[in-house]
Amino acid sequence: MVGSLTITNRLLVKGKVEERIAELELPSSRSMIVHTLEMADMEGVSENGWMKVKWSDSFAQQLEMTTFGSMDISHIYEVNDLAERIDRFNNEDRARFCALCGCFLDSTNSNPEKYGRLESSIANAINLTYNVSDKIQVITQVDNLTELGVQCVSHKLMHGFKNISSTALSYLDFTKIGRDYMCSLDGCIHNGCFVYWLPKLNELKLPYDGKSPANKSGVAA
């Protein structure tokens, strides 16, 4: 399971407001989505309905666009399409996706393109899944800067550590080494991986137009 989605719908029943709440695992089958909508008495666009998405992985920190003011049914299918694409990723590809989201999605800036970023949306998150590739380099078993520093020294990723003695190793500041290496490559740490060599904004593939569910937009899976 990549995440979960909670639908809340408010209905006027015999003069009283009642809430219908239904939950859906992500990704789910189309028939399960229909069943969940029926449980919430949801049809089409609802001014009284909204949904909340909870992602189960570290990309939750990047995917902050999880609440819709007024909900269209297409939003649910769009979120599910994103979950389906993420679900296909192995751990390294999830790290690549996290790094792409952290680098390019901007949910706080009113003019993100001015700063070389994309507006934070499910549509743009779907687009970023199409940019996950082996061109983005990954070093595994790295949860923090210290571990990255250790990798730099043990695998001689930086100049100056080729013939270092075991005595000198005890004096090294591995955290600083890891930080310097990360800055030199403009990389980041996600999912226990150090990720670097991300594409530039103008190099991104953005095939999904965001106007229809991704699985119906003619975009190849």
Protein backbone atom coordinates (compact mmCIF):
# COMPACT_ATOMS: atom_id res chain seq x y z
CA MET A 1 0.00 0.00 0.00
CA VAL A 2 1.35 3.39 -1.03
CA GLY A 3 -1.15 5.42 0.96
CA SER A 4 -4.78 5.87 1.91
CA LEU A 5 -7.54 8.26 0.99
CA THR A 6 -10.40 9.36 3.21
CA ILE A 7 -13.54 10.79 1.64
CA THR A 8 -15.91 12.88 3.75
CA ASN A 9 -19.29 13.92 2.42
CA ARG A 10 -21.92 16.02 4.20
CA LEU A 11 -25.55 15.33 3.36
CA LEU A 12 -28.82 16.88 4.44
CA VAL A 13 -31.00 13.99 5.61
CA LYS A 14 -34.48 14.74 6.96
CA GLY A 15 -33.44 18.25 7.90
CA LYS A 16 -30.24 17.16 9.61
CA VAL A 17 -26.66 17.28 8.38
CA GLU A 18 -25.04 13.85 8.33
CA GLU A 19 -21.50 12.89 7.38
CA ARG A 20 -20.63 9.93 5.21
CA ILE A 21 -17.00 8.85 5.61
CA ALA A 22 -15.31 6.19 3.48
CA GLU A 23 -11.68 5.10 3.24
CA LEU A 24 -9.73 3.74 0.30
CA GLU A 25 -6.33 2.10 0.10
CA LEU A 26 -4.00 3.46 -2.58
CA PRO A 27 -3.66 2.17 -5.19
CA SER A 28 -7.05 0.48 -5.63
CA SER A 29 -9.01 -1.06 -8.46
CA ARG A 30 -11.57 1.02 -10.34
CA SER A 31 -14.37 -1.16 -8.93
CA MET A 32 -13.16 -0.49 -5.38
CA ILE A 33 -13.13 3.25 -6.07
CA VAL A 34 -16.74 3.07 -7.28
CA HIS A 35 -17.70 1.11 -4.16
CA THR A 36 -16.01 3.69 -1.92
CA LEU A 37 -17.86 6.52 -3.64
CA GLU A 38 -21.12 4.68 -3.09
CA MET A 39 -20.27 4.29 0.60
CA ALA A 40 -19.82 8.06 0.82
CA ASP A 41 -22.98 8.77 -1.25
CA MET A 42 -20.75 10.73 -3.60
CA GLU A 43 -21.68 11.45 -7.20
CA GLY A 44 -19.88 13.81 -9.55
CA VAL A 45 -18.82 17.16 -8.11
CA SER A 46 -19.73 17.83 -4.50
CA GLU A 47 -19.46 21.21 -2.81
CA ASN A 48 -19.92 19.44 0.51
CA GLY A 49 -17.38 16.69 -0.04
CA TRP A 50 -13.64 16.64 0.42
CA MET A 51 -10.84 14.13 0.70
CA LYS A 52 -7.58 13.72 2.55
CA VAL A 53 -4.64 11.68 1.30
CA LYS A 54 -2.10 10.11 3.65
CA TRP A 55 1.03 8.82 1.94
CA SER A 56 2.91 6.01 3.66
CA ASP A 57 6.41 6.86 2.43
CA SER A 58 8.80 9.76 2.85
CA PHE A 59 7.47 11.49 -0.27
CA ALA A 60 4.55 12.53 1.97
CA GLN A 61 6.76 15.46 2.98
CA GLN A 62 6.89 16.61 -0.64
CA LEU A 63 3.29 15.81 -1.62
CA GLU A 64 1.59 18.44 0.48
CA MET A 65 -1.31 18.96 -1.92
CA THR A 66 -3.57 16.50 -0.13
CA THR A 67 -6.81 18.41 0.47
CA PHE A 68 -9.28 19.70 -2.11
CA GLY A 69 -11.73 22.50 -1.30
CA SER A 70 -14.49 21.12 -3.52
CA MET A 71 -13.95 17.63 -4.80
CA ASP A 72 -14.46 16.31 -8.30
CA ILE A 73 -14.57 12.54 -8.78
CA SER A 74 -11.67 12.87 -11.23
CA HIS A 75 -9.46 13.93 -8.30
CA ILE A 76 -9.80 10.47 -6.78
CA TYR A 77 -8.82 8.74 -10.02
CA GLU A 78 -5.92 11.14 -10.45
CA VAL A 79 -4.57 10.41 -6.96
CA ASN A 80 -5.02 6.69 -7.58
CA ASP A 81 -3.13 6.94 -10.88
CA LEU A 82 -0.24 8.58 -9.03
CA ALA A 83 -0.31 5.82 -6.40
CA GLU A 84 -0.27 3.14 -9.12
CA ARG A 85 2.82 4.65 -10.69
CA ILE A 86 4.62 4.98 -7.34
CA ASP A 87 3.69 1.40 -6.44
CA ARG A 88 5.70 0.13 -9.42
CA PHE A 89 8.90 1.75 -8.17
CA ASN A 90 11.60 -0.13 -6.28
CA ASN A 91 13.24 1.56 -3.30
CA GLU A 92 15.86 3.35 -5.40
CA ASP A 93 13.26 4.68 -7.83
CA ARG A 94 11.15 5.88 -4.89
CA ALA A 95 14.22 7.75 -3.67
CA ARG A 96 14.60 9.28 -7.13
CA PHE A 97 10.93 10.30 -7.10
CA CYS A 98 11.24 11.83 -3.62
CA ALA A 99 14.23 13.84 -4.77
CA LEU A 100 12.39 15.08 -7.85
CA CYS A 101 9.39 16.14 -5.76
CA GLY A 102 11.61 17.88 -3.23
CA CYS A 103 13.51 19.69 -5.97
CA PHE A 104 10.66 20.75 -8.26
CA LEU A 105 7.33 20.87 -6.39
CA ASP A 106 6.59 24.12 -4.59
CA SER A 107 3.37 24.37 -2.56
CA THR A 108 4.25 27.62 -0.75
CA ASN A 109 5.26 30.00 -3.52
CA SER A 110 2.61 31.91 -5.47
CA ASN A 111 4.87 32.09 -8.51
CA PRO A 112 6.93 28.86 -8.49
CA GLU A 113 8.00 29.01 -12.15
CA LYS A 114 9.91 32.22 -11.35
CA TYR A 115 12.14 30.17 -9.05
CA GLY A 116 12.59 27.23 -11.38
CA ARG A 117 9.96 25.02 -9.79
CA LEU A 118 6.53 23.59 -10.54
CA GLU A 119 3.26 24.33 -8.82
CA SER A 120 2.60 21.61 -6.27
CA SER A 121 -0.21 19.45 -7.62
CA ILE A 122 -1.09 15.81 -8.14
CA ALA A 123 -0.83 16.40 -11.90
CA ASN A 124 2.76 17.63 -11.61
CA ALA A 125 3.61 14.78 -9.23
CA ILE A 126 2.34 12.37 -11.90
CA ASN A 127 4.52 14.14 -14.45
CA LEU A 128 7.57 13.73 -12.22
CA THR A 129 7.07 9.95 -12.18
CA TYR A 130 7.87 10.01 -15.91
CA ASN A 131 11.28 11.50 -15.08
CA VAL A 132 12.44 8.70 -12.80
CA SER A 133 15.32 7.00 -14.62
CA ASP A 134 18.77 5.49 -14.16
CA LYS A 135 20.25 8.82 -15.29
CA ILE A 136 19.57 9.99 -11.74
CA GLN A 137 22.36 8.45 -9.67
CA VAL A 138 21.74 6.72 -6.33
CA ILE A 139 24.05 5.62 -3.51
CA THR A 140 22.25 3.21 -1.20
CA GLN A 141 22.58 2.64 2.57
CA VAL A 142 22.72 6.36 3.33
CA ASP A 143 20.29 7.69 5.95
CA ASN A 144 22.20 10.83 6.98
CA LEU A 145 25.23 13.01 6.23
CA THR A 146 27.50 10.99 8.50
CA GLU A 147 26.78 7.77 6.61
CA LEU A 148 27.30 9.60 3.34
CA GLY A 149 30.68 10.80 4.62
CA VAL A 150 31.63 7.23 5.51
CA GLN A 151 30.67 6.12 1.98
CA CYS A 152 32.77 8.94 0.51
CA VAL A 153 35.84 7.77 2.39
CA SER A 154 35.38 4.00 2.13
CA HIS A 155 34.60 4.10 -1.60
CA LYS A 156 37.01 6.97 -2.30
CA LEU A 157 34.31 9.13 -3.85
CA MET A 158 36.29 12.30 -3.16
CA HIS A 159 39.92 13.15 -3.80
CA GLY A 160 42.35 12.83 -0.91
CA PHE A 161 41.17 9.58 0.68
CA LYS A 162 43.04 7.10 -1.50
CA ASN A 163 45.93 6.32 0.87
CA ILE A 164 44.56 7.57 4.17
CA SER A 165 45.78 5.61 7.20
CA SER A 166 43.53 3.88 9.73
CA THR A 167 44.86 6.25 12.42
CA ALA A 168 43.83 9.32 10.42
CA LEU A 169 40.33 7.90 9.91
CA SER A 170 39.51 8.39 13.58
CA TYR A 171 40.05 12.16 13.23
CA LEU A 172 37.82 12.65 10.22
CA ASP A 173 34.58 14.62 10.47
CA PHE A 174 32.36 12.31 8.41
CA THR A 175 29.34 14.58 8.76
CA LYS A 176 31.21 17.52 7.23
CA ILE A 177 32.61 15.28 4.50
CA GLY A 178 29.07 14.08 3.70
CA ARG A 179 27.73 17.64 3.67
CA ASP A 180 30.52 18.85 1.36
CA TYR A 181 29.95 15.94 -1.01
CA MET A 182 26.19 16.52 -1.09
CA CYS A 183 26.65 20.23 -1.81
CA SER A 184 29.19 19.54 -4.55
CA LEU A 185 26.66 17.40 -6.41
CA ASP A 186 23.56 19.34 -5.36
CA GLY A 187 22.12 16.05 -4.13
CA CYS A 188 19.76 15.01 -1.35
CA ILE A 189 18.98 12.05 0.92
CA HIS A 190 15.69 10.13 0.63
CA ASN A 191 14.55 6.58 1.42
CA GLY A 192 17.97 5.58 2.73
CA CYS A 193 19.63 6.73 -0.47
CA PHE A 194 21.77 9.65 -1.59
CA VAL A 195 20.36 10.93 -4.89
CA TYR A 196 22.17 13.24 -7.33
CA TRP A 197 22.42 14.31 -10.98
CA LEU A 198 18.79 15.40 -11.13
CA PRO A 199 17.57 16.91 -14.41
CA LYS A 200 17.05 20.63 -14.87
CA LEU A 201 13.55 22.10 -15.02
CA ASN A 202 13.74 22.60 -18.78
CA GLU A 203 14.78 18.96 -19.20
CA LEU A 204 11.70 17.51 -17.48
CA LYS A 205 9.16 15.46 -19.41
CA LEU A 206 5.66 16.78 -18.63
CA PRO A 207 3.32 14.57 -20.69
CA TYR A 208 0.22 14.72 -18.49
CA ASP A 209 -2.00 17.76 -19.07
CA GLY A 210 -3.87 17.48 -15.77
CA LYS A 211 -7.24 17.89 -17.51
CA SER A 212 -8.32 14.25 -17.38
CA PRO A 213 -7.43 11.16 -15.33
CA ALA A 214 -3.87 10.22 -16.22
CA ASN A 215 -4.89 6.73 -17.33
CA LYS A 216 -7.27 8.29 -19.88
CA SER A 217 -5.01 11.07 -21.13
CA GLY A 218 -3.27 9.04 -23.80
CA VAL A 219 -0.02 9.05 -21.84
CA ALA A 220 1.88 5.76 -21.96
CA ALA A 221 2.28 3.96 -18.67
